[in-house]
């Protein structure tokens, strides 16, 4: 799925604080955006559901 020109939606999530901070540091180290990683995870789960 190409997300470059797709409209985006702001969402609020509740996640474990320690897990979030660790993942935030992990993403920063890799040069990744947390929001894009969340989108990728959702896309992968939807693909799996179709199988």
Protein backbone atom coordinates (compact mmCIF):
# COMPACT_ATOMS: atom_id res chain seq x y z
CA UNK A 1 0.00 0.00 0.00
CA UNK A 2 1.39 3.40 -0.95
CA UNK A 3 0.79 5.90 1.85
CA UNK A 4 2.51 8.89 0.26
CA UNK A 5 -0.65 10.65 -0.98
CA UNK A 6 -3.21 9.04 1.31
CA UNK A 7 -5.01 11.15 3.90
CA UNK A 8 -3.90 10.46 7.44
CA UNK A 9 -5.89 10.05 10.65
CA UNK A 10 -4.66 11.12 14.08
CA UNK A 11 -5.34 8.51 16.75
CA UNK A 12 -4.78 8.26 20.48
CA UNK A 13 -3.54 4.97 21.89
CA UNK A 14 -2.88 3.74 25.39
CA UNK A 15 0.25 1.60 25.62
CA UNK A 16 2.57 0.47 28.35
CA UNK A 17 4.84 3.43 29.12
CA UNK A 18 8.07 1.43 29.41
CA UNK A 19 7.36 -0.48 26.22
CA UNK A 20 6.61 2.78 24.38
CA UNK A 21 9.83 4.43 25.56
CA UNK A 22 11.92 1.41 24.55
CA UNK A 23 10.24 1.24 21.14
CA UNK A 24 10.60 4.99 20.66
CA UNK A 25 14.37 4.74 21.25
CA UNK A 26 14.55 1.69 18.96
CA UNK A 27 12.79 3.55 16.15
CA UNK A 28 14.92 6.66 16.63
CA UNK A 29 18.09 4.57 16.40
CA UNK A 30 16.84 3.02 13.14
CA UNK A 31 15.64 6.37 11.73
CA UNK A 32 12.04 5.14 11.66
CA UNK A 33 8.79 6.94 12.43
CA UNK A 34 6.73 5.20 15.11
CA UNK A 35 3.51 6.01 13.28
CA UNK A 36 4.76 4.40 10.06
CA UNK A 37 5.79 1.27 11.95
CA UNK A 38 2.28 1.06 13.36
CA UNK A 39 0.86 1.37 9.83
CA UNK A 40 3.16 -1.39 8.58
CA UNK A 41 2.04 -3.70 11.41
CA UNK A 42 -1.62 -3.02 10.59
CA UNK A 43 -1.03 -3.64 6.87
CA UNK A 44 0.72 -6.95 7.60
CA UNK A 45 -2.07 -8.15 9.89
CA UNK A 46 -4.70 -7.28 7.28
CA UNK A 47 -2.74 -9.19 4.62
CA UNK A 48 -2.56 -12.22 6.93
CA UNK A 49 -6.30 -12.03 7.56
CA UNK A 50 -7.00 -12.22 3.81
CA UNK A 51 -5.08 -15.50 3.48
